[in-house]
Amino acid sequence: MKYLLISLLLLVLNYLYSAYSIDVSREYAKKVSELKREKERSLILKAEVEKHINYKTAKSYAESEGFSPVDWSRVRLVKSSQ
């Protein structure tokens, strides 16, 4: 009788753990699919931004707004006095 109760208890515990693990794996699958969707959306947005604002248009815009490139011969590093 004692072994029957122990086996039933183990069976119930196994069932509860199985239900929990199925629920966790379902949540994990949802999160992974959501992550894939967000990555795809991010790549699409990045491609669209790069299509509209590429290097040539950014350079021409910067030059039209009066941007002057850095003269690296005039740049010096300042050493800390500590």
PDB file of N, CA and C in Angstrom:
ATOM      1  N   MET A   1       0.828  -1.191   0.000  1.00  0.00           N
ATOM      2  CA  MET A   1       0.000   0.000   0.000  1.00  0.00           C
ATOM      3  C   MET A   1       0.877   1.262   0.000  1.00  0.00           C
ATOM      4  N   LYS A   2       1.930   1.194   0.803  1.00  0.00           N
ATOM      5  CA  LYS A   2       2.824   2.336   0.902  1.00  0.00           C
ATOM      6  C   LYS A   2       3.488   2.621  -0.453  1.00  0.00           C
ATOM      7  N   TYR A   3       3.893   1.580  -1.164  1.00  0.00           N
ATOM      8  CA  TYR A   3       4.536   1.747  -2.461  1.00  0.00           C
ATOM      9  C   TYR A   3       3.563   2.279  -3.511  1.00  0.00           C
ATOM     10  N   LEU A   4       2.331   1.896  -3.398  1.00  0.00           N
ATOM     11  CA  LEU A   4       1.311   2.394  -4.321  1.00  0.00           C
ATOM     12  C   LEU A   4       1.109   3.907  -4.145  1.00  0.00           C
ATOM     13  N   LEU A   5       1.055   4.365  -2.897  1.00  0.00           N
ATOM     14  CA  LEU A   5       0.901   5.793  -2.639  1.00  0.00           C
ATOM     15  C   LEU A   5       2.123   6.588  -3.106  1.00  0.00           C
ATOM     16  N   ILE A   6       3.307   6.031  -2.877  1.00  0.00           N
ATOM     17  CA  ILE A   6       4.528   6.702  -3.318  1.00  0.00           C
ATOM     18  C   ILE A   6       4.569   6.787  -4.842  1.00  0.00           C
ATOM     19  N   SER A   7       4.185   5.700  -5.508  1.00  0.00           N
ATOM     20  CA  SER A   7       4.196   5.715  -6.970  1.00  0.00           C
ATOM     21  C   SER A   7       3.153   6.690  -7.519  1.00  0.00           C
ATOM     22  N   LEU A   8       1.978   6.773  -6.885  1.00  0.00           N
ATOM     23  CA  LEU A   8       0.965   7.740  -7.307  1.00  0.00           C
ATOM     24  C   LEU A   8       1.442   9.169  -7.072  1.00  0.00           C
ATOM     25  N   LEU A   9       2.114   9.402  -5.965  1.00  0.00           N
ATOM     26  CA  LEU A   9       2.654  10.726  -5.678  1.00  0.00           C
ATOM     27  C   LEU A   9       3.714  11.108  -6.710  1.00  0.00           C
ATOM     28  N   LEU A  10       4.599  10.175  -7.030  1.00  0.00           N
ATOM     29  CA  LEU A  10       5.611  10.434  -8.046  1.00  0.00           C
ATOM     30  C   LEU A  10       4.980  10.666  -9.414  1.00  0.00           C
ATOM     31  N   LEU A  11       3.928   9.926  -9.722  1.00  0.00           N
ATOM     32  CA  LEU A  11       3.233  10.097 -10.989  1.00  0.00           C
ATOM     33  C   LEU A  11       2.603  11.488 -11.082  1.00  0.00           C
ATOM     34  N   VAL A  12       1.974  11.927 -10.001  1.00  0.00           N
ATOM     35  CA  VAL A  12       1.359  13.264  -9.973  1.00  0.00           C
ATOM     36  C   VAL A  12       2.433  14.345 -10.075  1.00  0.00           C
ATOM     37  N   LEU A  13       3.541  14.179  -9.345  1.00  0.00           N
ATOM     38  CA  LEU A  13       4.626  15.144  -9.424  1.00  0.00           C
ATOM     39  C   LEU A  13       5.226  15.198 -10.828  1.00  0.00           C
ATOM     40  N   ASN A  14       5.378  14.061 -11.456  1.00  0.00           N
ATOM     41  CA  ASN A  14       5.894  14.005 -12.819  1.00  0.00           C
ATOM     42  C   ASN A  14       4.935  14.715 -13.783  1.00  0.00           C
ATOM     43  N   TYR A  15       3.650  14.502 -13.611  1.00  0.00           N
ATOM     44  CA  TYR A  15       2.654  15.169 -14.446  1.00  0.00           C
ATOM     45  C   TYR A  15       2.727  16.684 -14.273  1.00  0.00           C
ATOM     46  N   LEU A  16       2.823  17.156 -13.025  1.00  0.00           N
ATOM     47  CA  LEU A  16       2.913  18.591 -12.773  1.00  0.00           C
ATOM     48  C   LEU A  16       4.181  19.188 -13.387  1.00  0.00           C
ATOM     49  N   TYR A  17       5.295  18.481 -13.245  1.00  0.00           N
ATOM     50  CA  TYR A  17       6.537  18.976 -13.822  1.00  0.00           C
ATOM     51  C   TYR A  17       6.471  18.985 -15.346  1.00  0.00           C
ATOM     52  N   SER A  18       5.854  17.982 -15.928  1.00  0.00           N
ATOM     53  CA  SER A  18       5.701  17.939 -17.383  1.00  0.00           C
ATOM     54  C   SER A  18       4.847  19.102 -17.879  1.00  0.00           C
ATOM     55  N   ALA A  19       3.773  19.386 -17.178  1.00  0.00           N
ATOM     56  CA  ALA A  19       2.914  20.506 -17.560  1.00  0.00           C
ATOM     57  C   ALA A  19       3.680  21.825 -17.449  1.00  0.00           C
ATOM     58  N   TYR A  20       4.462  21.964 -16.392  1.00  0.00           N
ATOM     59  CA  TYR A  20       5.272  23.175 -16.218  1.00  0.00           C
ATOM     60  C   TYR A  20       6.312  23.306 -17.326  1.00  0.00           C
ATOM     61  N   SER A  21       7.007  22.223 -17.652  1.00  0.00           N
ATOM     62  CA  SER A  21       8.049  22.299 -18.680  1.00  0.00           C
ATOM     63  C   SER A  21       7.455  22.572 -20.056  1.00  0.00           C
ATOM     64  N   ILE A  22       6.276  22.045 -20.344  1.00  0.00           N
ATOM     65  CA  ILE A  22       5.607  22.343 -21.617  1.00  0.00           C
ATOM     66  C   ILE A  22       5.240  23.817 -21.690  1.00  0.00           C
ATOM     67  N   ASP A  23       4.755  24.360 -20.573  1.00  0.00           N
ATOM     68  CA  ASP A  23       4.401  25.773 -20.528  1.00  0.00           C
ATOM     69  C   ASP A  23       5.639  26.650 -20.725  1.00  0.00           C
ATOM     70  N   VAL A  24       6.747  26.289 -20.084  1.00  0.00           N
ATOM     71  CA  VAL A  24       7.982  27.065 -20.226  1.00  0.00           C
ATOM     72  C   VAL A  24       8.502  26.975 -21.653  1.00  0.00           C
ATOM     73  N   SER A  25       8.454  25.798 -22.257  1.00  0.00           N
ATOM     74  CA  SER A  25       8.945  25.670 -23.634  1.00  0.00           C
ATOM     75  C   SER A  25       8.052  26.434 -24.613  1.00  0.00           C
ATOM     76  N   ARG A  26       6.773  26.504 -24.355  1.00  0.00           N
ATOM     77  CA  ARG A  26       5.863  27.283 -25.194  1.00  0.00           C
ATOM     78  C   ARG A  26       6.182  28.774 -25.089  1.00  0.00           C
ATOM     79  N   GLU A  27       6.443  29.247 -23.866  1.00  0.00           N
ATOM     80  CA  GLU A  27       6.848  30.642 -23.670  1.00  0.00           C
ATOM     81  C   GLU A  27       8.151  30.928 -24.395  1.00  0.00           C
ATOM     82  N   TYR A  28       9.098  30.010 -24.296  1.00  0.00           N
ATOM     83  CA  TYR A  28      10.398  30.175 -24.951  1.00  0.00           C
ATOM     84  C   TYR A  28      10.220  30.259 -26.469  1.00  0.00           C
ATOM     85  N   ALA A  29       9.382  29.402 -27.015  1.00  0.00           N
ATOM     86  CA  ALA A  29       9.137  29.412 -28.461  1.00  0.00           C
ATOM     87  C   ALA A  29       8.503  30.736 -28.890  1.00  0.00           C
ATOM     88  N   LYS A  30       7.591  31.267 -28.084  1.00  0.00           N
ATOM     89  CA  LYS A  30       6.977  32.559 -28.398  1.00  0.00           C
ATOM     90  C   LYS A  30       8.023  33.669 -28.390  1.00  0.00           C
ATOM     91  N   LYS A  31       8.895  33.651 -27.390  1.00  0.00           N
ATOM     92  CA  LYS A  31       9.929  34.687 -27.292  1.00  0.00           C
ATOM     93  C   LYS A  31      10.912  34.598 -28.455  1.00  0.00           C
ATOM     94  N   VAL A  32      11.275  33.392 -28.854  1.00  0.00           N
ATOM     95  CA  VAL A  32      12.204  33.215 -29.972  1.00  0.00           C
ATOM     96  C   VAL A  32      11.569  33.704 -31.267  1.00  0.00           C
ATOM     97  N   SER A  33      10.312  33.383 -31.491  1.00  0.00           N
ATOM     98  CA  SER A  33       9.659  33.850 -32.713  1.00  0.00           C
ATOM     99  C   SER A  33       9.498  35.367 -32.702  1.00  0.00           C
ATOM    100  N   GLU A  34       9.220  35.953 -31.539  1.00  0.00           N
ATOM    101  CA  GLU A  34       9.125  37.408 -31.433  1.00  0.00           C
ATOM    102  C   GLU A  34      10.487  38.059 -31.703  1.00  0.00           C
ATOM    103  N   LEU A  35      11.538  37.445 -31.196  1.00  0.00           N
ATOM    104  CA  LEU A  35      12.882  37.957 -31.442  1.00  0.00           C
ATOM    105  C   LEU A  35      13.230  37.907 -32.925  1.00  0.00           C
ATOM    106  N   LYS A  36      12.872  36.828 -33.600  1.00  0.00           N
ATOM    107  CA  LYS A  36      13.127  36.717 -35.038  1.00  0.00           C
ATOM    108  C   LYS A  36      12.361  37.783 -35.808  1.00  0.00           C
ATOM    109  N   ARG A  37      11.101  38.021 -35.430  1.00  0.00           N
ATOM    110  CA  ARG A  37      10.302  39.058 -36.098  1.00  0.00           C
ATOM    111  C   ARG A  37      10.936  40.441 -35.897  1.00  0.00           C
ATOM    112  N   GLU A  38      11.379  40.714 -34.680  1.00  0.00           N
ATOM    113  CA  GLU A  38      11.978  42.015 -34.396  1.00  0.00           C
ATOM    114  C   GLU A  38      13.307  42.187 -35.126  1.00  0.00           C
ATOM    115  N   LYS A  39      14.095  41.119 -35.232  1.00  0.00           N
ATOM    116  CA  LYS A  39      15.350  41.201 -35.978  1.00  0.00           C
ATOM    117  C   LYS A  39      15.080  41.473 -37.444  1.00  0.00           C
ATOM    118  N   GLU A  40      14.087  40.790 -37.996  1.00  0.00           N
ATOM    119  CA  GLU A  40      13.738  41.003 -39.405  1.00  0.00           C
ATOM    120  C   GLU A  40      13.252  42.433 -39.622  1.00  0.00           C
ATOM    121  N   ARG A  41      12.435  42.916 -38.715  1.00  0.00           N
ATOM    122  CA  ARG A  41      11.925  44.288 -38.812  1.00  0.00           C
ATOM    123  C   ARG A  41      13.079  45.289 -38.714  1.00  0.00           C
ATOM    124  N   SER A  42      14.012  45.019 -37.823  1.00  0.00           N
ATOM    125  CA  SER A  42      15.166  45.893 -37.666  1.00  0.00           C
ATOM    126  C   SER A  42      16.009  45.917 -38.934  1.00  0.00           C
ATOM    127  N   LEU A  43      16.223  44.761 -39.544  1.00  0.00           N
ATOM    128  CA  LEU A  43      16.998  44.716 -40.788  1.00  0.00           C
ATOM    129  C   LEU A  43      16.300  45.448 -41.922  1.00  0.00           C
ATOM    130  N   ILE A  44      14.989  45.307 -41.999  1.00  0.00           N
ATOM    131  CA  ILE A  44      14.226  46.004 -43.040  1.00  0.00           C
ATOM    132  C   ILE A  44      14.332  47.513 -42.840  1.00  0.00           C
ATOM    133  N   LEU A  45      14.186  47.975 -41.594  1.00  0.00           N
ATOM    134  CA  LEU A  45      14.297  49.410 -41.321  1.00  0.00           C
ATOM    135  C   LEU A  45      15.702  49.927 -41.603  1.00  0.00           C
ATOM    136  N   LYS A  46      16.705  49.134 -41.245  1.00  0.00           N
ATOM    137  CA  LYS A  46      18.088  49.538 -41.504  1.00  0.00           C
ATOM    138  C   LYS A  46      18.341  49.661 -43.002  1.00  0.00           C
ATOM    139  N   ALA A  47      17.844  48.694 -43.781  1.00  0.00           N
ATOM    140  CA  ALA A  47      18.016  48.747 -45.233  1.00  0.00           C
ATOM    141  C   ALA A  47      17.291  49.951 -45.825  1.00  0.00           C
ATOM    142  N   GLU A  48      16.122  50.255 -45.302  1.00  0.00           N
ATOM    143  CA  GLU A  48      15.368  51.404 -45.811  1.00  0.00           C
ATOM    144  C   GLU A  48      16.079  52.710 -45.484  1.00  0.00           C
ATOM    145  N   VAL A  49      16.621  52.816 -44.281  1.00  0.00           N
ATOM    146  CA  VAL A  49      17.354  54.028 -43.907  1.00  0.00           C
ATOM    147  C   VAL A  49      18.598  54.173 -44.767  1.00  0.00           C
ATOM    148  N   GLU A  50      19.324  53.082 -44.966  1.00  0.00           N
ATOM    149  CA  GLU A  50      20.530  53.146 -45.795  1.00  0.00           C
ATOM    150  C   GLU A  50      20.195  53.470 -47.247  1.00  0.00           C
ATOM    151  N   LYS A  51      19.020  53.053 -47.696  1.00  0.00           N
ATOM    152  CA  LYS A  51      18.614  53.360 -49.067  1.00  0.00           C
ATOM    153  C   LYS A  51      18.344  54.852 -49.222  1.00  0.00           C
ATOM    154  N   HIS A  52      17.697  55.446 -48.216  1.00  0.00           N
ATOM    155  CA  HIS A  52      17.348  56.857 -48.305  1.00  0.00           C
ATOM    156  C   HIS A  52      18.510  57.777 -47.930  1.00  0.00           C
ATOM    157  N   ILE A  53      19.300  57.365 -46.975  1.00  0.00           N
ATOM    158  CA  ILE A  53      20.420  58.199 -46.522  1.00  0.00           C
ATOM    159  C   ILE A  53      21.697  57.392 -46.680  1.00  0.00           C
ATOM    160  N   ASN A  54      22.296  57.474 -47.827  1.00  0.00           N
ATOM    161  CA  ASN A  54      23.562  56.783 -48.027  1.00  0.00           C
ATOM    162  C   ASN A  54      24.703  57.788 -47.892  1.00  0.00           C
ATOM    163  N   TYR A  55      25.897  57.355 -48.108  1.00  0.00           N
ATOM    164  CA  TYR A  55      27.077  58.203 -47.885  1.00  0.00           C
ATOM    165  C   TYR A  55      27.073  59.422 -48.799  1.00  0.00           C
ATOM    166  N   LYS A  56      26.715  59.223 -50.054  1.00  0.00           N
ATOM    167  CA  LYS A  56      26.757  60.344 -50.998  1.00  0.00           C
ATOM    168  C   LYS A  56      25.765  61.436 -50.620  1.00  0.00           C
ATOM    169  N   THR A  57      24.549  61.052 -50.257  1.00  0.00           N
ATOM    170  CA  THR A  57      23.567  62.084 -49.891  1.00  0.00           C
ATOM    171  C   THR A  57      23.942  62.754 -48.576  1.00  0.00           C
ATOM    172  N   ALA A  58      24.487  61.985 -47.634  1.00  0.00           N
ATOM    173  CA  ALA A  58      24.907  62.592 -46.369  1.00  0.00           C
ATOM    174  C   ALA A  58      26.068  63.558 -46.592  1.00  0.00           C
ATOM    175  N   LYS A  59      27.002  63.179 -47.437  1.00  0.00           N
ATOM    176  CA  LYS A  59      28.157  64.050 -47.727  1.00  0.00           C
ATOM    177  C   LYS A  59      27.702  65.325 -48.424  1.00  0.00           C
ATOM    178  N   SER A  60      26.833  65.196 -49.422  1.00  0.00           N
ATOM    179  CA  SER A  60      26.372  66.392 -50.133  1.00  0.00           C
ATOM    180  C   SER A  60      25.551  67.289 -49.205  1.00  0.00           C
ATOM    181  N   TYR A  61      24.753  66.710 -48.318  1.00  0.00           N
ATOM    182  CA  TYR A  61      23.988  67.509 -47.359  1.00  0.00           C
ATOM    183  C   TYR A  61      24.921  68.242 -46.406  1.00  0.00           C
ATOM    184  N   ALA A  62      25.943  67.533 -45.906  1.00  0.00           N
ATOM    185  CA  ALA A  62      26.884  68.151 -44.978  1.00  0.00           C
ATOM    186  C   ALA A  62      27.646  69.285 -45.643  1.00  0.00           C
ATOM    187  N   GLU A  63      28.050  69.088 -46.873  1.00  0.00           N
ATOM    188  CA  GLU A  63      28.772  70.144 -47.583  1.00  0.00           C
ATOM    189  C   GLU A  63      27.869  71.333 -47.888  1.00  0.00           C
ATOM    190  N   SER A  64      26.604  71.070 -48.186  1.00  0.00           N
ATOM    191  CA  SER A  64      25.685  72.171 -48.463  1.00  0.00           C
ATOM    192  C   SER A  64      25.362  72.962 -47.197  1.00  0.00           C
ATOM    193  N   GLU A  65      25.469  72.333 -46.035  1.00  0.00           N
ATOM    194  CA  GLU A  65      25.200  73.028 -44.770  1.00  0.00           C
ATOM    195  C   GLU A  65      26.436  73.709 -44.207  1.00  0.00           C
ATOM    196  N   GLY A  66      27.562  73.639 -44.905  1.00  0.00           N
ATOM    197  CA  GLY A  66      28.751  74.344 -44.468  1.00  0.00           C
ATOM    198  C   GLY A  66      29.690  73.520 -43.613  1.00  0.00           C
ATOM    199  N   PHE A  67      29.587  72.215 -43.649  1.00  0.00           N
ATOM    200  CA  PHE A  67      30.494  71.360 -42.883  1.00  0.00           C
ATOM    201  C   PHE A  67      31.889  71.415 -43.492  1.00  0.00           C
ATOM    202  N   SER A  68      32.880  71.589 -42.644  1.00  0.00           N
ATOM    203  CA  SER A  68      34.259  71.534 -43.132  1.00  0.00           C
ATOM    204  C   SER A  68      34.951  70.362 -42.448  1.00  0.00           C
ATOM    205  N   PRO A  69      35.662  69.545 -43.189  1.00  0.00           N
ATOM    206  CA  PRO A  69      36.302  68.384 -42.590  1.00  0.00           C
ATOM    207  C   PRO A  69      37.409  68.786 -41.620  1.00  0.00           C
ATOM    208  N   VAL A  70      37.744  67.880 -40.725  1.00  0.00           N
ATOM    209  CA  VAL A  70      38.760  68.138 -39.702  1.00  0.00           C
ATOM    210  C   VAL A  70      40.136  68.116 -40.350  1.00  0.00           C
ATOM    211  N   ASP A  71      40.946  69.114 -40.005  1.00  0.00           N
ATOM    212  CA  ASP A  71      42.336  69.148 -40.445  1.00  0.00           C
ATOM    213  C   ASP A  71      43.158  68.449 -39.361  1.00  0.00           C
ATOM    214  N   TRP A  72      43.546  67.215 -39.619  1.00  0.00           N
ATOM    215  CA  TRP A  72      44.197  66.396 -38.600  1.00  0.00           C
ATOM    216  C   TRP A  72      45.576  66.919 -38.214  1.00  0.00           C
ATOM    217  N   SER A  73      46.168  67.759 -39.029  1.00  0.00           N
ATOM    218  CA  SER A  73      47.473  68.322 -38.657  1.00  0.00           C
ATOM    219  C   SER A  73      47.331  69.334 -37.526  1.00  0.00           C
ATOM    220  N   ARG A  74      46.148  69.874 -37.339  1.00  0.00           N
ATOM    221  CA  ARG A  74      45.915  70.857 -36.278  1.00  0.00           C
ATOM    222  C   ARG A  74      45.416  70.219 -34.981  1.00  0.00           C
ATOM    223  N   VAL A  75      45.160  68.922 -34.983  1.00  0.00           N
ATOM    224  CA  VAL A  75      44.642  68.230 -33.798  1.00  0.00           C
ATOM    225  C   VAL A  75      45.813  67.781 -32.940  1.00  0.00           C
ATOM    226  N   ARG A  76      45.720  68.091 -31.646  1.00  0.00           N
ATOM    227  CA  ARG A  76      46.748  67.664 -30.695  1.00  0.00           C
ATOM    228  C   ARG A  76      46.078  67.026 -29.491  1.00  0.00           C
ATOM    229  N   LEU A  77      46.771  66.068 -28.895  1.00  0.00           N
ATOM    230  CA  LEU A  77      46.273  65.441 -27.688  1.00  0.00           C
ATOM    231  C   LEU A  77      46.727  66.251 -26.480  1.00  0.00           C
ATOM    232  N   VAL A  78      45.840  66.428 -25.533  1.00  0.00           N
ATOM    233  CA  VAL A  78      46.167  67.178 -24.319  1.00  0.00           C
ATOM    234  C   VAL A  78      46.461  66.171 -23.218  1.00  0.00           C
ATOM    235  N   LYS A  79      47.623  66.292 -22.619  1.00  0.00           N
ATOM    236  CA  LYS A  79      48.028  65.363 -21.580  1.00  0.00           C
ATOM    237  C   LYS A  79      47.567  65.893 -20.227  1.00  0.00           C
ATOM    238  N   SER A  80      47.056  64.996 -19.393  1.00  0.00           N
ATOM    239  CA  SER A  80      46.592  65.377 -18.072  1.00  0.00           C
ATOM    240  C   SER A  80      47.777  65.787 -17.200  1.00  0.00           C
ATOM    241  N   SER A  81      47.596  66.779 -16.334  1.00  0.00           N
ATOM    242  CA  SER A  81      48.683  67.277 -15.499  1.00  0.00           C
ATOM    243  C   SER A  81      48.794  66.524 -14.184  1.00  0.00           C
ATOM    244  N   GLN A  82      48.044  65.500 -13.967  1.00  0.00           N
ATOM    245  CA  GLN A  82      48.078  64.766 -12.693  1.00  0.00           C
ATOM    246  C   GLN A  82      49.228  63.862 -12.594  1.00  0.00           C
TER     247      GLN A  82
END
